[in-house]
Amino acid sequence: MAGNLSLPEPYFDYEAHLAACAQGDQQALRALYDQESARVMGVAQRIVRHKALAEDILHDVFIRIWTRAASFDPTRGSARGWIFSITRHLALNVVRDNARQIQLDEHSEMASHALASVDASNSDTFEYLARSGRIYTCLERLEPARRNCILHAYVDGYSHAEISKKVGAPLGTVKAWIKRSLVVLRECMG
């Protein structure tokens, strides 16, 4: 009998694994990753429609699971649902941030052309941008390494992993620099 029978997936106790993560059990996080990373990646990629961004979201989802596992409340929903809620939230934030960034500054096209004509690998990218407009004033407040990360992400369109390689800093550091720098820029632009 040759049929397309699919075997039921073996039981996986998501709640127990989240509880173990909340207690600092790295093996529990690894098991959650092994169990759900492909599906999390798929959901993220369907929302953001870009593999590198989806990979960044996958990373961020499991960081969020690790750091916030203790906040999971089984009375509000399933553990698996909580994981995918985090995934959708982070992916939609990326989509919103990218849409906002496209509309943010009419000078972005000019800046992009300026950057394209410059070999920025050994210098401060910011120096090659026109210094007009409010965004540039706000960008000046950032340290050059952090400013370059922001420009590579939002002007050049590089993924966090590509920026990490380009600037020679660990991926987590690049992500933290970008996140903190965006807060500073929002406050300055506000």
Protein backbone atom coordinates (compact mmCIF):
# COMPACT_ATOMS: atom_id res chain seq x y z
CA MET A 1 0.00 0.00 0.00
CA ALA A 2 1.67 3.12 -1.23
CA GLY A 3 -0.20 6.12 0.05
CA ASN A 4 0.53 9.58 1.22
CA LEU A 5 0.03 8.91 4.89
CA SER A 6 1.70 11.45 7.08
CA LEU A 7 2.58 10.37 10.53
CA PRO A 8 1.48 12.62 13.35
CA GLU A 9 4.20 14.80 14.73
CA PRO A 10 5.59 13.50 18.03
CA TYR A 11 4.41 15.38 21.11
CA PHE A 12 6.57 18.32 22.11
CA ASP A 13 5.92 20.09 25.41
CA TYR A 14 6.35 23.76 24.53
CA GLU A 15 5.26 25.00 27.96
CA ALA A 16 7.82 22.83 29.75
CA HIS A 17 10.57 24.01 27.41
CA LEU A 18 9.64 27.66 27.95
CA ALA A 19 9.60 27.12 31.70
CA ALA A 20 13.06 25.54 31.44
CA CYS A 21 14.28 28.51 29.38
CA ALA A 22 13.00 30.82 32.11
CA GLN A 23 15.23 28.87 34.52
CA GLY A 24 18.28 29.33 32.26
CA ASP A 25 18.27 25.90 30.59
CA GLN A 26 20.09 26.39 27.28
CA GLN A 27 19.25 22.84 26.16
CA ALA A 28 15.56 23.74 26.34
CA LEU A 29 16.18 26.72 24.06
CA ARG A 30 18.12 24.47 21.69
CA ALA A 31 15.22 22.00 21.62
CA LEU A 32 12.74 24.82 20.90
CA TYR A 33 15.02 26.05 18.14
CA ASP A 34 15.32 22.58 16.63
CA GLN A 35 11.55 22.12 16.84
CA GLU A 36 10.39 25.48 15.45
CA SER A 37 13.20 27.38 13.69
CA ALA A 38 12.19 26.27 10.18
CA ARG A 39 8.57 27.31 10.74
CA VAL A 40 9.57 30.59 12.41
CA MET A 41 11.83 31.31 9.44
CA GLY A 42 8.99 30.52 7.05
CA VAL A 43 6.53 32.84 8.80
CA ALA A 44 9.10 35.64 9.01
CA GLN A 45 10.08 35.27 5.35
CA ARG A 46 6.43 35.31 4.22
CA ILE A 47 5.92 38.60 6.08
CA VAL A 48 9.15 40.45 5.21
CA ARG A 49 9.75 38.78 1.80
CA HIS A 50 13.51 38.93 2.20
CA LYS A 51 15.62 35.99 3.34
CA ALA A 52 18.35 37.99 5.12
CA LEU A 53 15.79 40.00 7.09
CA ALA A 54 13.94 36.80 7.96
CA GLU A 55 17.21 35.31 9.25
CA ASP A 56 17.70 38.37 11.45
CA ILE A 57 14.15 38.01 12.74
CA LEU A 58 14.72 34.30 13.45
CA HIS A 59 17.72 35.25 15.57
CA ASP A 60 15.76 37.97 17.36
CA VAL A 61 12.81 35.64 18.03
CA PHE A 62 14.98 33.14 19.87
CA ILE A 63 16.76 35.89 21.79
CA ARG A 64 13.33 37.19 22.82
CA ILE A 65 12.22 33.68 23.81
CA TRP A 66 15.35 33.27 25.93
CA THR A 67 15.07 36.63 27.64
CA ARG A 68 11.30 36.67 28.12
CA ALA A 69 10.34 33.04 28.65
CA ALA A 70 9.37 33.85 32.23
CA SER A 71 6.72 36.27 30.93
CA PHE A 72 4.83 33.51 29.09
CA ASP A 73 1.38 33.10 30.64
CA PRO A 74 -0.37 29.82 29.73
CA THR A 75 -3.74 31.30 30.74
CA ARG A 76 -3.48 33.75 27.83
CA GLY A 77 -2.73 31.20 25.10
CA SER A 78 -0.58 28.32 23.98
CA ALA A 79 3.20 28.35 24.23
CA ARG A 80 3.53 27.70 20.51
CA GLY A 81 1.10 30.54 19.79
CA TRP A 82 3.24 32.80 22.00
CA ILE A 83 6.33 31.95 19.92
CA PHE A 84 4.55 32.77 16.67
CA SER A 85 3.08 35.92 18.16
CA ILE A 86 6.64 37.09 18.84
CA THR A 87 7.61 36.15 15.29
CA ARG A 88 4.74 38.07 13.70
CA HIS A 89 5.31 41.08 15.97
CA LEU A 90 9.02 41.34 15.12
CA ALA A 91 8.45 40.74 11.40
CA LEU A 92 5.69 43.34 11.18
CA ASN A 93 7.92 45.83 13.01
CA VAL A 94 10.59 45.28 10.35
CA VAL A 95 8.03 45.84 7.58
CA ARG A 96 6.74 49.01 9.27
CA ASP A 97 10.26 50.31 9.95
CA ASN A 98 11.30 49.71 6.33
CA ALA A 99 8.16 51.44 5.01
CA ARG A 100 8.73 54.37 7.37
CA GLN A 101 12.38 54.56 6.35
CA ILE A 102 11.50 54.78 2.66
CA GLN A 103 9.26 57.77 3.37
CA LEU A 104 11.47 59.30 6.07
CA ASP A 105 13.81 61.46 4.09
CA GLU A 106 13.67 62.93 0.61
CA HIS A 107 17.46 63.12 0.73
CA SER A 108 17.86 59.34 0.94
CA GLU A 109 18.13 58.94 -2.82
CA MET A 110 20.84 61.60 -2.96
CA ALA A 111 22.64 59.94 -0.06
CA SER A 112 22.39 56.56 -1.73
CA HIS A 113 23.96 57.90 -4.92
CA ALA A 114 26.71 59.59 -2.93
CA LEU A 115 27.45 56.36 -1.09
CA ALA A 116 27.46 54.30 -4.27
CA SER A 117 30.19 56.45 -5.74
CA VAL A 118 32.45 56.18 -2.69
CA ASP A 119 34.52 53.27 -1.45
CA ALA A 120 33.39 53.41 2.16
CA SER A 121 35.18 50.29 3.36
CA ASN A 122 38.07 52.17 4.99
CA SER A 123 36.46 55.46 5.91
CA ASP A 124 33.55 57.03 7.71
CA THR A 125 30.59 56.76 5.33
CA PHE A 126 28.92 59.76 6.93
CA GLU A 127 31.64 62.11 5.69
CA TYR A 128 30.47 61.57 2.13
CA LEU A 129 26.86 62.59 2.72
CA ALA A 130 25.57 66.07 2.20
CA ARG A 131 25.27 67.69 5.61
CA SER A 132 21.91 69.31 5.08
CA GLY A 133 18.61 68.35 6.65
CA ARG A 134 17.56 67.40 10.12
CA ILE A 135 18.45 63.71 9.78
CA TYR A 136 22.08 64.61 9.17
CA THR A 137 22.19 66.75 12.28
CA CYS A 138 20.83 63.81 14.25
CA LEU A 139 23.23 61.36 12.60
CA GLU A 140 26.15 63.58 13.64
CA ARG A 141 25.32 62.80 17.28
CA LEU A 142 26.14 59.13 16.77
CA GLU A 143 29.60 57.63 17.04
CA PRO A 144 31.02 56.92 13.54
CA ALA A 145 30.84 53.11 13.90
CA ARG A 146 27.18 53.24 14.97
CA ARG A 147 26.34 55.84 12.34
CA ASN A 148 27.89 53.65 9.64
CA CYS A 149 25.80 50.68 10.80
CA ILE A 150 22.62 52.76 10.50
CA LEU A 151 23.59 54.03 7.05
CA HIS A 152 24.55 50.59 5.81
CA ALA A 153 21.22 49.22 7.04
CA TYR A 154 18.86 51.95 5.90
CA VAL A 155 20.62 53.57 2.96
CA ASP A 156 22.59 50.68 1.49
CA GLY A 157 20.00 48.07 2.45
CA TYR A 158 22.48 45.64 4.01
CA SER A 159 21.29 42.94 6.39
CA HIS A 160 22.66 42.89 9.94
CA ALA A 161 24.90 39.96 8.97
CA GLU A 162 26.30 41.87 5.98
CA ILE A 163 26.97 44.91 8.16
CA SER A 164 28.69 42.73 10.73
CA LYS A 165 31.08 41.43 8.09
CA LYS A 166 31.61 44.87 6.56
CA VAL A 167 32.48 46.64 9.82
CA GLY A 168 34.18 43.67 11.48
CA ALA A 169 31.98 43.65 14.59
CA PRO A 170 30.01 40.73 16.07
CA LEU A 171 26.43 40.36 14.81
CA GLY A 172 24.92 40.94 18.26
CA THR A 173 26.95 44.12 18.68
CA VAL A 174 25.81 45.45 15.30
CA LYS A 175 22.17 44.72 16.16
CA ALA A 176 22.52 46.46 19.53
CA TRP A 177 24.22 49.50 17.94
CA ILE A 178 21.46 49.81 15.35
CA LYS A 179 18.68 49.39 17.89
CA ARG A 180 20.15 51.96 20.32
CA SER A 181 21.02 54.37 17.50
CA LEU A 182 17.46 54.26 16.19
CA VAL A 183 16.21 55.26 19.64
CA VAL A 184 18.61 58.22 19.65
CA LEU A 185 17.54 59.22 16.13
CA ARG A 186 13.84 58.98 16.97
CA GLU A 187 14.34 61.18 20.03
CA CYS A 188 16.35 63.70 18.00
CA MET A 189 13.85 63.75 15.11
CA GLY A 190 10.85 63.79 17.49
